C-alpha atoms as a PDB file:
ATOM      1  CA  MET A   1      47.661  93.257  92.400  1.00  0.00           C
ATOM      2  CA  GLU A   2      50.495  95.578  92.731  1.00  0.00           C
ATOM      3  CA  GLU A   3      53.973  94.145  92.638  1.00  0.00           C
ATOM      4  CA  GLN A   4      55.776  94.416  95.793  1.00  0.00           C
ATOM      5  CA  GLN A   5      59.138  96.435  95.145  1.00  0.00           C
ATOM      6  CA  GLU A   6      62.183  94.662  96.557  1.00  0.00           C
ATOM      7  CA  THR A   7      64.157  96.942  98.891  1.00  0.00           C
ATOM      8  CA  PRO A   8      67.879  96.506  98.866  1.00  0.00           C
ATOM      9  CA  LEU A   9      69.588  94.975 101.885  1.00  0.00           C
ATOM     10  CA  GLU A  10      71.325  97.656 104.009  1.00  0.00           C
ATOM     11  CA  PHE A  11      74.767  96.770 105.458  1.00  0.00           C
ATOM     12  CA  ASN A  12      75.745  98.379 108.793  1.00  0.00           C
ATOM     13  CA  ALA A  13      79.341  97.818 109.675  1.00  0.00           C
ATOM     14  CA  ARG A  14      79.985  97.060 113.409  1.00  0.00           C
ATOM     15  CA  ILE A  15      83.445  98.816 112.988  1.00  0.00           C
ATOM     16  CA  ASP A  16      83.270 102.500 111.992  1.00  0.00           C
ATOM     17  CA  LEU A  17      85.395 102.852 108.795  1.00  0.00           C
ATOM     18  CA  LYS A  18      84.430 106.106 107.680  1.00  0.00           C
ATOM     19  CA  ASN A  19      87.444 108.031 108.708  1.00  0.00           C
ATOM     20  CA  LEU A  20      89.730 105.366 107.328  1.00  0.00           C
ATOM     21  CA  GLN A  21      87.937 105.461 103.936  1.00  0.00           C
ATOM     22  CA  GLU A  22      88.123 109.239 103.943  1.00  0.00           C
ATOM     23  CA  ALA A  23      91.763 109.134 104.620  1.00  0.00           C
ATOM     24  CA  VAL A  24      92.520 106.672 101.768  1.00  0.00           C
ATOM     25  CA  ALA A  25      90.307 108.801  99.403  1.00  0.00           C
ATOM     26  CA  LYS A  26      92.349 111.943 100.267  1.00  0.00           C
ATOM     27  CA  ILE A  27      95.759 110.076  99.672  1.00  0.00           C
ATOM     28  CA  LYS A  28      94.503 108.985  96.251  1.00  0.00           C
ATOM     29  CA  ALA A  29      93.277 112.422  95.452  1.00  0.00           C
ATOM     30  CA  GLU A  30      96.805 113.828  96.475  1.00  0.00           C
ATOM     31  CA  MET A  31      98.498 111.244  94.404  1.00  0.00           C
ATOM     32  CA  ALA A  32      96.261 111.874  91.363  1.00  0.00           C
ATOM     33  CA  LYS A  33      97.710 115.388  91.177  1.00  0.00           C
ATOM     34  CA  VAL A  34     100.947 113.992  89.816  1.00  0.00           C
ATOM     35  CA  ILE A  35     100.537 110.297  89.088  1.00  0.00           C
ATOM     36  CA  VAL A  36      98.435 109.138  86.021  1.00  0.00           C
ATOM     37  CA  GLY A  37      97.109 105.516  86.326  1.00  0.00           C
ATOM     38  CA  GLN A  38      99.271 102.795  88.148  1.00  0.00           C
ATOM     39  CA  ASN A  39      96.028 102.320  90.145  1.00  0.00           C
ATOM     40  CA  GLU A  40      96.887  98.753  91.302  1.00  0.00           C
ATOM     41  CA  MET A  41     100.351  99.936  92.385  1.00  0.00           C
ATOM     42  CA  LEU A  42      98.853 102.681  94.536  1.00  0.00           C
ATOM     43  CA  GLU A  43      96.245 100.485  95.948  1.00  0.00           C
ATOM     44  CA  MET A  44      98.786  97.754  96.998  1.00  0.00           C
ATOM     45  CA  LEU A  45     101.027 100.432  98.467  1.00  0.00           C
ATOM     46  CA  ILE A  46      98.203 101.816 100.671  1.00  0.00           C
ATOM     47  CA  VAL A  47      97.216  98.336 101.722  1.00  0.00           C
ATOM     48  CA  SER A  48     100.712  97.772 102.771  1.00  0.00           C
ATOM     49  CA  ILE A  49     100.736 100.896 104.934  1.00  0.00           C
ATOM     50  CA  LEU A  50      97.416  99.808 106.558  1.00  0.00           C
ATOM     51  CA  SER A  51      98.582  96.144 107.247  1.00  0.00           C
ATOM     52  CA  ASP A  52     102.196  97.430 108.275  1.00  0.00           C
ATOM     53  CA  GLY A  53     104.154  95.619 105.607  1.00  0.00           C
ATOM     54  CA  HIS A  54     107.070  96.405 103.325  1.00  0.00           C
ATOM     55  CA  SER A  55     106.734  96.459  99.569  1.00  0.00           C
ATOM     56  CA  LEU A  56     109.160  95.520  96.635  1.00  0.00           C
ATOM     57  CA  ILE A  57     108.167  97.639  93.508  1.00  0.00           C
ATOM     58  CA  GLU A  58     109.531  96.248  90.207  1.00  0.00           C
ATOM     59  CA  GLY A  59     109.505  97.746  86.819  1.00  0.00           C
ATOM     60  CA  VAL A  60     111.508  99.110  84.011  1.00  0.00           C
ATOM     61  CA  PRO A  61     112.978 102.496  84.345  1.00  0.00           C
ATOM     62  CA  GLY A  62     110.746 105.403  84.047  1.00  0.00           C
ATOM     63  CA  VAL A  63     107.407 103.998  85.009  1.00  0.00           C
ATOM     64  CA  ALA A  64     107.031 106.253  88.209  1.00  0.00           C
ATOM     65  CA  LYS A  65     108.247 103.659  90.812  1.00  0.00           C
ATOM     66  CA  THR A  66     110.514 106.091  92.736  1.00  0.00           C
ATOM     67  CA  ILE A  67     108.265 109.324  92.434  1.00  0.00           C
ATOM     68  CA  THR A  68     105.188 107.323  93.640  1.00  0.00           C
ATOM     69  CA  ALA A  69     106.912 106.165  96.709  1.00  0.00           C
ATOM     70  CA  LYS A  70     108.274 109.574  97.434  1.00  0.00           C
ATOM     71  CA  LEU A  71     104.859 111.164  96.940  1.00  0.00           C
ATOM     72  CA  LEU A  72     103.098 108.477  99.017  1.00  0.00           C
ATOM     73  CA  ALA A  73     105.601 109.072 101.864  1.00  0.00           C
ATOM     74  CA  LYS A  74     104.797 112.827 101.586  1.00  0.00           C
ATOM     75  CA  THR A  75     101.138 112.219 102.177  1.00  0.00           C
ATOM     76  CA  MET A  76     101.948 111.113 105.577  1.00  0.00           C
ATOM     77  CA  ASP A  77     103.261 113.555 108.086  1.00  0.00           C
ATOM     78  CA  VAL A  78     106.100 111.349 109.182  1.00  0.00           C
ATOM     79  CA  GLY A  79     109.877 111.049 108.772  1.00  0.00           C
ATOM     80  CA  PHE A  80     111.224 110.096 105.283  1.00  0.00           C
ATOM     81  CA  SER A  81     114.552 108.771 104.232  1.00  0.00           C
ATOM     82  CA  ARG A  82     115.752 107.698 100.841  1.00  0.00           C
ATOM     83  CA  ILE A  83     118.759 105.407 100.323  1.00  0.00           C
ATOM     84  CA  GLN A  84     120.246 105.006  96.974  1.00  0.00           C
ATOM     85  CA  PHE A  85     121.788 101.425  96.923  1.00  0.00           C
ATOM     86  CA  THR A  86     125.211 101.401  94.980  1.00  0.00           C
ATOM     87  CA  PRO A  87     127.853  98.634  94.740  1.00  0.00           C
ATOM     88  CA  ASP A  88     130.219 100.359  97.260  1.00  0.00           C
ATOM     89  CA  LEU A  89     127.414 100.851  99.887  1.00  0.00           C
ATOM     90  CA  MET A  90     128.315  99.447 103.359  1.00  0.00           C
ATOM     91  CA  PRO A  91     126.047  98.234 106.049  1.00  0.00           C
ATOM     92  CA  SER A  92     127.330 101.116 108.393  1.00  0.00           C
ATOM     93  CA  ASP A  93     126.169 103.495 105.648  1.00  0.00           C
ATOM     94  CA  ILE A  94     122.530 102.406 106.287  1.00  0.00           C
ATOM     95  CA  LEU A  95     122.461 101.516 110.096  1.00  0.00           C
ATOM     96  CA  GLY A  96     125.120 103.850 111.473  1.00  0.00           C
ATOM     97  CA  THR A  97     128.165 103.443 113.298  1.00  0.00           C
ATOM     98  CA  SER A  98     130.055 104.135 116.575  1.00  0.00           C
ATOM     99  CA  VAL A  99     132.098 107.393 116.674  1.00  0.00           C
ATOM    100  CA  PHE A 100     134.526 108.172 119.393  1.00  0.00           C
ATOM    101  CA  ASN A 101     133.584 111.325 121.291  1.00  0.00           C
ATOM    102  CA  VAL A 102     136.869 113.001 122.482  1.00  0.00           C
ATOM    103  CA  LYS A 103     134.961 115.136 125.064  1.00  0.00           C
ATOM    104  CA  ASN A 104     133.840 112.204 127.294  1.00  0.00           C
ATOM    105  CA  ASN A 105     136.307 109.693 126.002  1.00  0.00           C
ATOM    106  CA  GLU A 106     133.483 107.256 124.924  1.00  0.00           C
ATOM    107  CA  PHE A 107     131.936 105.797 121.706  1.00  0.00           C
ATOM    108  CA  GLU A 108     128.645 107.223 120.610  1.00  0.00           C
ATOM    109  CA  PHE A 109     126.506 105.602 118.132  1.00  0.00           C
ATOM    110  CA  LYS A 110     125.642 107.798 115.219  1.00  0.00           C
ATOM    111  CA  LYS A 111     122.373 106.636 113.712  1.00  0.00           C
ATOM    112  CA  GLY A 112     122.292 105.970 109.970  1.00  0.00           C
ATOM    113  CA  PRO A 113     119.419 106.829 107.456  1.00  0.00           C
ATOM    114  CA  ILE A 114     117.461 103.675 108.253  1.00  0.00           C
ATOM    115  CA  PHE A 115     116.205 105.602 111.422  1.00  0.00           C
ATOM    116  CA  SER A 116     113.185 107.135 109.971  1.00  0.00           C
ATOM    117  CA  ASN A 117     109.551 106.140 109.340  1.00  0.00           C
ATOM    118  CA  ILE A 118     109.177 105.630 105.613  1.00  0.00           C
ATOM    119  CA  ILE A 119     112.348 104.280 103.942  1.00  0.00           C
ATOM    120  CA  LEU A 120     112.754 104.370 100.263  1.00  0.00           C
ATOM    121  CA  ILE A 121     115.518 102.170  98.974  1.00  0.00           C
ATOM    122  CA  ASP A 122     116.139 102.884  95.321  1.00  0.00           C
ATOM    123  CA  GLU A 123     117.527 100.047  93.178  1.00  0.00           C
ATOM    124  CA  ILE A 124     117.902  97.560  96.189  1.00  0.00           C
ATOM    125  CA  ASN A 125     119.667  94.987  93.893  1.00  0.00           C
ATOM    126  CA  ARG A 126     122.526  97.295  93.107  1.00  0.00           C
ATOM    127  CA  ALA A 127     124.082  96.791  96.655  1.00  0.00           C
ATOM    128  CA  PRO A 128     126.043  93.565  97.486  1.00  0.00           C
ATOM    129  CA  ALA A 129     124.801  90.703  99.698  1.00  0.00           C
ATOM    130  CA  LYS A 130     126.310  91.860 102.917  1.00  0.00           C
ATOM    131  CA  THR A 131     124.567  95.409 102.571  1.00  0.00           C
ATOM    132  CA  GLN A 132     121.234  93.706 101.623  1.00  0.00           C
ATOM    133  CA  ALA A 133     121.665  91.507 104.752  1.00  0.00           C
ATOM    134  CA  ALA A 134     121.960  94.655 106.997  1.00  0.00           C
ATOM    135  CA  LEU A 135     118.099  94.922 106.403  1.00  0.00           C
ATOM    136  CA  PHE A 136     117.156  91.504 107.625  1.00  0.00           C
ATOM    137  CA  GLU A 137     116.608  92.441 111.272  1.00  0.00           C
ATOM    138  CA  VAL A 138     115.299  95.851 110.849  1.00  0.00           C
ATOM    139  CA  MET A 139     112.561  94.677 108.351  1.00  0.00           C
ATOM    140  CA  GLU A 140     111.447  91.842 110.458  1.00  0.00           C
ATOM    141  CA  GLU A 141     111.851  93.003 114.017  1.00  0.00           C
ATOM    142  CA  ARG A 142     111.936  96.910 113.601  1.00  0.00           C
ATOM    143  CA  GLN A 143     115.135  97.102 115.417  1.00  0.00           C
ATOM    144  CA  ILE A 144     118.815  96.974 114.812  1.00  0.00           C
ATOM    145  CA  THR A 145     121.471  95.574 117.285  1.00  0.00           C
ATOM    146  CA  MET A 146     124.788  97.478 117.281  1.00  0.00           C
ATOM    147  CA  ASP A 147     127.675  96.795 119.775  1.00  0.00           C
ATOM    148  CA  GLY A 148     125.245  94.572 121.808  1.00  0.00           C
ATOM    149  CA  GLN A 149     122.719  97.393 122.142  1.00  0.00           C
ATOM    150  CA  LYS A 150     119.235  97.261 120.708  1.00  0.00           C
ATOM    151  CA  TYR A 151     117.694 100.368 118.815  1.00  0.00           C
ATOM    152  CA  ALA A 152     114.081 100.326 118.181  1.00  0.00           C
ATOM    153  CA  MET A 153     112.466 102.019 115.214  1.00  0.00           C
ATOM    154  CA  GLN A 154     109.707 104.529 115.958  1.00  0.00           C
ATOM    155  CA  PRO A 155     106.345 103.326 114.424  1.00  0.00           C
ATOM    156  CA  PRO A 156     105.266 103.542 111.517  1.00  0.00           C
ATOM    157  CA  PHE A 157     108.300 101.869 110.000  1.00  0.00           C
ATOM    158  CA  LEU A 158     107.880 100.934 106.442  1.00  0.00           C
ATOM    159  CA  VAL A 159     110.435 100.193 103.593  1.00  0.00           C
ATOM    160  CA  PHE A 160     109.429 100.816  99.948  1.00  0.00           C
ATOM    161  CA  ALA A 161     112.120  99.248  97.742  1.00  0.00           C
ATOM    162  CA  THR A 162     112.435  99.511  93.941  1.00  0.00           C
ATOM    163  CA  GLN A 163     114.278  97.434  91.500  1.00  0.00           C
ATOM    164  CA  ASN A 164     114.607  97.064  87.601  1.00  0.00           C
ATOM    165  CA  PRO A 165     113.958  93.479  86.405  1.00  0.00           C
ATOM    166  CA  ILE A 166     115.618  93.959  83.006  1.00  0.00           C
ATOM    167  CA  GLU A 167     119.182  94.990  83.883  1.00  0.00           C
ATOM    168  CA  GLN A 168     121.252  92.186  85.195  1.00  0.00           C
ATOM    169  CA  GLU A 169     124.772  93.718  84.787  1.00  0.00           C
ATOM    170  CA  GLY A 170     126.032  95.145  88.083  1.00  0.00           C
ATOM    171  CA  THR A 171     123.107  93.769  90.115  1.00  0.00           C
ATOM    172  CA  TYR A 172     122.743  91.338  93.040  1.00  0.00           C
ATOM    173  CA  ALA A 173     119.675  89.217  93.129  1.00  0.00           C
ATOM    174  CA  LEU A 174     117.843  89.466  96.488  1.00  0.00           C
ATOM    175  CA  PRO A 175     118.059  86.179  98.479  1.00  0.00           C
ATOM    176  CA  GLU A 176     114.833  84.225  99.321  1.00  0.00           C
ATOM    177  CA  ALA A 177     114.937  85.171 102.954  1.00  0.00           C
ATOM    178  CA  GLN A 178     115.081  88.856 102.004  1.00  0.00           C
ATOM    179  CA  LEU A 179     112.201  88.684  99.564  1.00  0.00           C
ATOM    180  CA  ASP A 180     109.996  86.936 102.132  1.00  0.00           C
ATOM    181  CA  ARG A 181     110.336  89.988 104.303  1.00  0.00           C
ATOM    182  CA  PHE A 182     108.413  91.940 101.878  1.00  0.00           C
ATOM    183  CA  LEU A 183     104.736  91.841 102.046  1.00  0.00           C
ATOM    184  CA  PHE A 184     104.169  92.613  98.409  1.00  0.00           C
ATOM    185  CA  LYS A 185     106.152  92.342  95.144  1.00  0.00           C
ATOM    186  CA  ILE A 186     104.417  94.925  92.974  1.00  0.00           C
ATOM    187  CA  ASN A 187     104.961  94.663  89.217  1.00  0.00           C
ATOM    188  CA  VAL A 188     104.565  98.172  87.486  1.00  0.00           C
ATOM    189  CA  PRO A 189     103.394  97.921  83.873  1.00  0.00           C
ATOM    190  CA  TYR A 190     103.798 100.588  81.146  1.00  0.00           C
ATOM    191  CA  PRO A 191     101.093 103.098  80.889  1.00  0.00           C
ATOM    192  CA  ASN A 192      98.655 102.838  77.965  1.00  0.00           C
ATOM    193  CA  ALA A 193      98.306 105.384  75.159  1.00  0.00           C
ATOM    194  CA  MET A 194      95.570 107.541  76.965  1.00  0.00           C
ATOM    195  CA  GLU A 195      97.626 107.599  80.127  1.00  0.00           C
ATOM    196  CA  GLU A 196     100.692 108.418  78.378  1.00  0.00           C
ATOM    197  CA  LEU A 197      98.958 111.464  76.701  1.00  0.00           C
ATOM    198  CA  GLN A 198      97.633 112.523  80.001  1.00  0.00           C
ATOM    199  CA  ILE A 199     101.212 112.335  81.645  1.00  0.00           C
ATOM    200  CA  LEU A 200     102.498 114.598  78.868  1.00  0.00           C
ATOM    201  CA  GLU A 201      99.582 117.108  79.222  1.00  0.00           C
ATOM    202  CA  ASN A 202     100.114 117.428  82.942  1.00  0.00           C
ATOM    203  CA  GLU A 203     103.932 117.817  82.471  1.00  0.00           C
ATOM    204  CA  HIS A 204     103.214 120.480  80.012  1.00  0.00           C
ATOM    205  CA  HIS A 205     100.670 122.323  82.120  1.00  0.00           C
ATOM    206  CA  ARG A 206     102.742 121.989  85.370  1.00  0.00           C
ATOM    207  CA  GLU A 207     105.489 124.326  83.869  1.00  0.00           C
ATOM    208  CA  ASN A 208     108.136 125.050  86.655  1.00  0.00           C
ATOM    209  CA  ARG A 209     106.207 123.602  89.661  1.00  0.00           C
ATOM    210  CA  GLY A 210     107.952 120.431  91.014  1.00  0.00           C
ATOM    211  CA  ALA A 211     105.861 117.340  91.423  1.00  0.00           C
ATOM    212  CA  LEU A 212     106.607 117.082  95.173  1.00  0.00           C
ATOM    213  CA  ASP A 213     105.132 120.554  95.739  1.00  0.00           C
ATOM    214  CA  LEU A 214     101.774 119.770  94.590  1.00  0.00           C
ATOM    215  CA  VAL A 215     101.277 116.867  97.376  1.00  0.00           C
ATOM    216  CA  GLY A 216     100.698 117.657 100.952  1.00  0.00           C
ATOM    217  CA  PRO A 217     100.446 115.416 104.134  1.00  0.00           C
ATOM    218  CA  VAL A 218      96.890 114.101 105.026  1.00  0.00           C
ATOM    219  CA  LEU A 219      97.873 111.430 107.519  1.00  0.00           C
ATOM    220  CA  THR A 220      99.618 111.573 110.940  1.00  0.00           C
ATOM    221  CA  ALA A 221     101.766 108.944 112.692  1.00  0.00           C
ATOM    222  CA  ALA A 222      98.991 108.530 115.276  1.00  0.00           C
ATOM    223  CA  GLN A 223      96.277 108.067 112.668  1.00  0.00           C
ATOM    224  CA  ILE A 224      98.292 105.553 110.781  1.00  0.00           C
ATOM    225  CA  ALA A 225      98.755 103.568 114.117  1.00  0.00           C
ATOM    226  CA  GLU A 226      94.942 103.859 114.843  1.00  0.00           C
ATOM    227  CA  TYR A 227      93.992 102.531 111.348  1.00  0.00           C
ATOM    228  CA  GLN A 228      96.527  99.652 111.584  1.00  0.00           C
ATOM    229  CA  LYS A 229      94.836  98.605 114.815  1.00  0.00           C
ATOM    230  CA  THR A 230      91.307  98.783 113.067  1.00  0.00           C
ATOM    231  CA  ILE A 231      92.741  96.504 110.390  1.00  0.00           C
ATOM    232  CA  LYS A 232      93.277  93.730 112.975  1.00  0.00           C
ATOM    233  CA  LYS A 233      89.558  93.881 114.173  1.00  0.00           C
ATOM    234  CA  ILE A 234      88.238  93.049 110.524  1.00  0.00           C
ATOM    235  CA  LEU A 235      86.214  89.837 110.538  1.00  0.00           C
ATOM    236  CA  ILE A 236      87.461  86.810 108.528  1.00  0.00           C
ATOM    237  CA  GLU A 237      85.416  83.686 108.643  1.00  0.00           C
ATOM    238  CA  ASN A 238      86.898  80.426 109.379  1.00  0.00           C
ATOM    239  CA  ASN A 239      86.190  79.002 105.881  1.00  0.00           C
ATOM    240  CA  LEU A 240      88.259  81.835 104.370  1.00  0.00           C
ATOM    241  CA  LEU A 241      91.120  81.007 106.747  1.00  0.00           C
ATOM    242  CA  LYS A 242      90.851  77.482 105.227  1.00  0.00           C
ATOM    243  CA  TYR A 243      90.976  78.892 101.927  1.00  0.00           C
ATOM    244  CA  ILE A 244      94.114  80.995 102.397  1.00  0.00           C
ATOM    245  CA  ALA A 245      95.762  77.757 104.034  1.00  0.00           C
ATOM    246  CA  ALA A 246      94.747  75.621 101.057  1.00  0.00           C
ATOM    247  CA  ILE A 247      96.336  78.283  98.614  1.00  0.00           C
ATOM    248  CA  THR A 248      99.619  78.426 100.577  1.00  0.00           C
ATOM    249  CA  ASP A 249      99.714  74.660 100.852  1.00  0.00           C
ATOM    250  CA  ASN A 250      99.188  73.983  97.164  1.00  0.00           C
ATOM    251  CA  THR A 251     102.397  75.973  96.493  1.00  0.00           C
ATOM    252  CA  ARG A 252     104.351  73.476  98.568  1.00  0.00           C
ATOM    253  CA  ALA A 253     103.042  70.313  96.736  1.00  0.00           C
ATOM    254  CA  ASN A 254     102.830  72.019  93.232  1.00  0.00           C
ATOM    255  CA  ALA A 255     104.635  70.056  90.526  1.00  0.00           C
ATOM    256  CA  ASN A 256     105.670  73.277  88.885  1.00  0.00           C
ATOM    257  CA  LEU A 257     107.417  74.678  91.928  1.00  0.00           C
ATOM    258  CA  PHE A 258     110.788  74.075  93.282  1.00  0.00           C
ATOM    259  CA  LEU A 259     110.113  76.251  96.454  1.00  0.00           C
ATOM    260  CA  GLY A 260     106.621  76.990  98.122  1.00  0.00           C
ATOM    261  CA  ALA A 261     105.477  79.781 100.154  1.00  0.00           C
ATOM    262  CA  SER A 262     106.026  79.912 103.947  1.00  0.00           C
ATOM    263  CA  PRO A 263     103.492  80.562 106.734  1.00  0.00           C
ATOM    264  CA  ARG A 264     104.437  84.143 106.509  1.00  0.00           C
ATOM    265  CA  ALA A 265     102.624  84.255 103.120  1.00  0.00           C
ATOM    266  CA  SER A 266      99.443  82.958 104.757  1.00  0.00           C
ATOM    267  CA  LEU A 267      99.589  85.641 107.439  1.00  0.00           C
ATOM    268  CA  ALA A 268     100.376  88.153 104.778  1.00  0.00           C
ATOM    269  CA  ILE A 269      97.254  87.235 102.754  1.00  0.00           C
ATOM    270  CA  MET A 270      95.086  87.465 105.691  1.00  0.00           C
ATOM    271  CA  ASN A 271      96.153  90.869 106.897  1.00  0.00           C
ATOM    272  CA  ALA A 272      96.278  92.408 103.337  1.00  0.00           C
ATOM    273  CA  SER A 273      92.986  91.048 102.526  1.00  0.00           C
ATOM    274  CA  LYS A 274      91.660  92.660 105.924  1.00  0.00           C
ATOM    275  CA  ALA A 275      93.101  95.965 104.909  1.00  0.00           C
ATOM    276  CA  LEU A 276      91.523  95.845 101.305  1.00  0.00           C
ATOM    277  CA  ALA A 277      88.258  95.133 102.819  1.00  0.00           C
ATOM    278  CA  ALA A 278      88.402  97.986 105.081  1.00  0.00           C
ATOM    279  CA  MET A 279      89.319 100.274 102.227  1.00  0.00           C
ATOM    280  CA  ASN A 280      86.124  99.201 100.583  1.00  0.00           C
ATOM    281  CA  GLY A 281      84.063 100.028 103.701  1.00  0.00           C
ATOM    282  CA  ARG A 282      83.633  96.336 104.646  1.00  0.00           C
ATOM    283  CA  ASP A 283      84.159  95.054 108.181  1.00  0.00           C
ATOM    284  CA  PHE A 284      84.579  91.528 106.945  1.00  0.00           C
ATOM    285  CA  VAL A 285      86.813  89.807 104.336  1.00  0.00           C
ATOM    286  CA  THR A 286      85.326  88.168 100.973  1.00  0.00           C
ATOM    287  CA  PRO A 287      87.112  85.708  98.759  1.00  0.00           C
ATOM    288  CA  ASP A 288      87.524  88.448  96.139  1.00  0.00           C
ATOM    289  CA  ASP A 289      89.772  90.301  98.565  1.00  0.00           C
ATOM    290  CA  ILE A 290      91.934  87.311  99.129  1.00  0.00           C
ATOM    291  CA  LYS A 291      92.136  86.744  95.310  1.00  0.00           C
ATOM    292  CA  LYS A 292      93.226  90.289  94.579  1.00  0.00           C
ATOM    293  CA  VAL A 293      96.053  90.379  97.181  1.00  0.00           C
ATOM    294  CA  ALA A 294      97.380  86.911  96.798  1.00  0.00           C
ATOM    295  CA  PRO A 295      99.206  87.176  93.614  1.00  0.00           C
ATOM    296  CA  SER A 296     101.331  90.267  94.817  1.00  0.00           C
ATOM    297  CA  ILE A 297     102.132  88.289  97.961  1.00  0.00           C
ATOM    298  CA  LEU A 298     103.056  84.894  96.394  1.00  0.00           C
ATOM    299  CA  ARG A 299     104.956  85.821  93.309  1.00  0.00           C
ATOM    300  CA  HIS A 300     108.272  86.605  94.972  1.00  0.00           C
ATOM    301  CA  ARG A 301     107.900  83.666  97.484  1.00  0.00           C
ATOM    302  CA  ILE A 302     107.892  80.869  95.236  1.00  0.00           C
ATOM    303  CA  LEU A 303     110.488  79.335  92.772  1.00  0.00           C
ATOM    304  CA  LEU A 304     109.751  77.557  89.543  1.00  0.00           C
ATOM    305  CA  THR A 305     111.275  74.213  88.790  1.00  0.00           C
ATOM    306  CA  PRO A 306     114.181  74.633  86.062  1.00  0.00           C
ATOM    307  CA  GLU A 307     111.953  72.682  83.622  1.00  0.00           C
ATOM    308  CA  ARG A 308     109.027  75.105  84.035  1.00  0.00           C
ATOM    309  CA  GLU A 309     111.272  78.144  83.642  1.00  0.00           C
ATOM    310  CA  MET A 310     112.804  76.726  80.323  1.00  0.00           C
ATOM    311  CA  GLU A 311     109.188  76.253  79.127  1.00  0.00           C
ATOM    312  CA  GLY A 312     108.592  79.903  79.633  1.00  0.00           C
ATOM    313  CA  PHE A 313     106.320  79.530  82.866  1.00  0.00           C
ATOM    314  CA  THR A 314     106.144  82.534  85.223  1.00  0.00           C
ATOM    315  CA  ALA A 315     105.339  82.718  88.824  1.00  0.00           C
ATOM    316  CA  ASP A 316     102.254  84.688  88.109  1.00  0.00           C
ATOM    317  CA  LYS A 317     101.021  82.021  85.772  1.00  0.00           C
ATOM    318  CA  VAL A 318     101.387  79.273  88.442  1.00  0.00           C
ATOM    319  CA  VAL A 319      99.675  81.542  90.994  1.00  0.00           C
ATOM    320  CA  HIS A 320      96.790  81.986  88.608  1.00  0.00           C
ATOM    321  CA  GLN A 321      96.469  78.253  88.050  1.00  0.00           C
ATOM    322  CA  ILE A 322      96.430  77.713  91.815  1.00  0.00           C
ATOM    323  CA  MET A 323      93.718  80.194  92.390  1.00  0.00           C
ATOM    324  CA  GLU A 324      91.629  78.556  89.517  1.00  0.00           C
ATOM    325  CA  THR A 325      92.211  75.141  91.043  1.00  0.00           C
ATOM    326  CA  ILE A 326      91.184  75.683  94.661  1.00  0.00           C
ATOM    327  CA  GLU A 327      87.467  75.892  95.300  1.00  0.00           C
ATOM    328  CA  ILE A 328      86.190  79.402  96.384  1.00  0.00           C
ATOM    329  CA  PRO A 329      84.091  79.237  99.802  1.00  0.00           C
ATOM    330  CA  ARG A 330      80.550  80.181  99.409  1.00  0.00           C
END
């Protein structure tokens, strides 16, 4: 008697994700022309674009934080603005200021560099609190209010900010309210030995060609808006929503933590896991999607107790313990 061969189950997505997947593949291909490794950083940054969230990129100098953000912005055919944060930077240097027009005897608002689509803020913790606070409204509401007048940002509007975790002199730590406005805090590690060799070889063979000249646009503003709408339609079952709520709730009752995550964290986990599912060609979220995005969403939204800090605990370690504690839905 012949054994019946088992046929693999075929999965037909109810949402067409082919174009979205192709766009992500093109972005990764463009980035690979210059960036070696750093796959997790790149994947999380693409997730942040699709889920319409800002990202804080943290790492020691020289690990390609700024160049990655600049190149990623170049893969999108939208406006780009870079703002270098310095101790003497004023809020008006970012938002803009009213200038008196002699011709019509009226004040006119001159827009600052924040009026663009992709904003790269380099070394965000170099500017004082009043300058950092200028970003509160625009990051959350995608608008600024100046002299009683509201000015809306044109979509897409995304902030990529970098900071160095090592150097403390001349820096101003971001307040919790500011950190909470970032969808992700992405930690960028050193490359391994093989990646380091590849970086050297690429730079050697590139000769006089600039890195930015190698990357071209693959996405328009209209396509980004379309894909962001598609992400909202991704299915997530009720037991997974309960899983997300349990993770966030655990941070608030955790003995290792002085401050837990807000409901904004729960929404961020849901939206980011939807984007990750879509990037992988699925129109539904799995527990693995949630487990993958949760650390980058929670690590900057929780504060350790002083005792745990003295014992050498880290936010990532506590998040890992929480993820291990809570039962995964089946």
